Amino acid sequence: MLTRHAEIRCQQRGIRPEVVATLLAYGRRERRHGADVCFMDRDAHRRAERDLGRKTYARLSDRLGTYLVVGDDGQVITAAPRLGRMRI
């Protein structure tokens, strides 16, 4: 699921496993430079809140400003906080 590089980056950047799982389950994917970038847009936030429940979503919501780079094999290559708007 995560490459060794992604594990290290998540640990360095304080990105918890439940955030990665939420992004993979609900996040929007866009193809960029040969890989998929997975991030939360407005619709993804709504779906996550509906499915996870308000309490769980509230605990995670401030940490969902993260993006993942996912390879063609489905493995997460890296993860990082979003510093700006994702341009589509």
Protein backbone atom coordinates (compact mmCIF):
# COMPACT_ATOMS: atom_id res chain seq x y z
CA MET A 1 0.00 0.00 0.00
CA LEU A 2 2.75 2.49 0.96
CA THR A 3 6.25 2.46 -0.43
CA ARG A 4 9.12 2.81 2.02
CA HIS A 5 9.57 6.40 0.82
CA ALA A 6 5.91 7.18 1.58
CA GLU A 7 6.19 5.61 5.04
CA ILE A 8 9.18 7.82 5.82
CA ARG A 9 7.48 10.96 4.48
CA CYS A 10 4.29 10.26 6.44
CA GLN A 11 6.30 9.81 9.61
CA GLN A 12 8.34 12.98 8.99
CA ARG A 13 5.26 15.05 8.16
CA GLY A 14 2.95 13.66 10.84
CA ILE A 15 0.48 12.17 8.39
CA ARG A 16 -1.41 9.45 10.24
CA PRO A 17 -2.52 6.14 8.68
CA GLU A 18 -6.22 6.97 9.07
CA VAL A 19 -5.70 10.15 7.04
CA VAL A 20 -4.05 8.13 4.25
CA ALA A 21 -6.91 5.61 4.35
CA THR A 22 -9.53 8.38 4.21
CA LEU A 23 -7.81 10.05 1.28
CA LEU A 24 -7.61 6.78 -0.62
CA ALA A 25 -11.25 5.95 0.10
CA TYR A 26 -12.87 9.35 -0.54
CA GLY A 27 -10.33 11.57 -2.27
CA ARG A 28 -10.50 12.83 -5.82
CA ARG A 29 -7.85 11.49 -8.19
CA GLU A 30 -6.27 13.48 -10.98
CA ARG A 31 -3.63 12.21 -13.37
CA ARG A 32 -0.42 14.26 -13.21
CA HIS A 33 3.02 13.51 -14.66
CA GLY A 34 2.47 9.77 -14.94
CA ALA A 35 0.85 9.17 -11.53
CA ASP A 36 -2.43 9.91 -9.77
CA VAL A 37 -2.64 12.72 -7.25
CA CYS A 38 -5.26 12.01 -4.59
CA PHE A 39 -6.69 14.92 -2.59
CA MET A 40 -9.89 16.02 -0.90
CA ASP A 41 -12.18 18.38 -2.77
CA ARG A 42 -15.53 19.70 -1.55
CA ASP A 43 -17.50 16.65 -2.73
CA ALA A 44 -14.98 14.27 -1.15
CA HIS A 45 -15.32 16.09 2.18
CA ARG A 46 -19.10 15.75 2.02
CA ARG A 47 -18.96 12.02 1.24
CA ALA A 48 -16.45 11.40 4.03
CA GLU A 49 -18.52 13.29 6.59
CA ARG A 50 -21.67 11.42 5.57
CA ASP A 51 -20.04 7.97 5.66
CA LEU A 52 -17.72 8.38 8.65
CA GLY A 53 -20.10 10.32 10.87
CA ARG A 54 -19.66 13.80 12.24
CA LYS A 55 -17.56 12.83 15.25
CA THR A 56 -14.97 10.82 13.31
CA TYR A 57 -14.92 13.31 10.45
CA ALA A 58 -14.44 16.23 12.85
CA ARG A 59 -11.42 14.48 14.37
CA LEU A 60 -9.83 14.02 10.92
CA SER A 61 -11.01 17.09 9.02
CA ASP A 62 -8.19 19.44 9.96
CA ARG A 63 -5.65 16.84 8.77
CA LEU A 64 -7.24 16.16 5.39
CA GLY A 65 -5.37 19.03 3.73
CA THR A 66 -2.90 16.46 2.47
CA TYR A 67 -2.29 14.93 -0.94
CA LEU A 68 -0.98 11.54 -1.96
CA VAL A 69 0.85 10.51 -5.10
CA VAL A 70 -0.33 7.05 -6.15
CA GLY A 71 1.49 4.95 -8.74
CA ASP A 72 -0.11 2.79 -11.43
CA ASP A 73 0.37 -0.27 -9.20
CA GLY A 74 -1.81 1.32 -6.50
CA GLN A 75 1.04 2.01 -4.08
CA VAL A 76 1.30 5.40 -2.41
CA ILE A 77 4.60 6.88 -3.57
CA THR A 78 4.65 9.97 -1.34
CA ALA A 79 2.46 12.17 0.83
CA ALA A 80 2.65 15.85 1.67
CA PRO A 81 0.55 18.69 3.07
CA ARG A 82 -1.21 20.84 0.49
CA LEU A 83 0.27 24.29 0.62
CA GLY A 84 -2.03 25.80 -1.97
CA ARG A 85 -4.96 25.17 -4.23
CA MET A 86 -4.86 22.06 -6.42
CA ARG A 87 -5.09 23.32 -9.99
CA ILE A 88 -7.02 20.99 -12.23
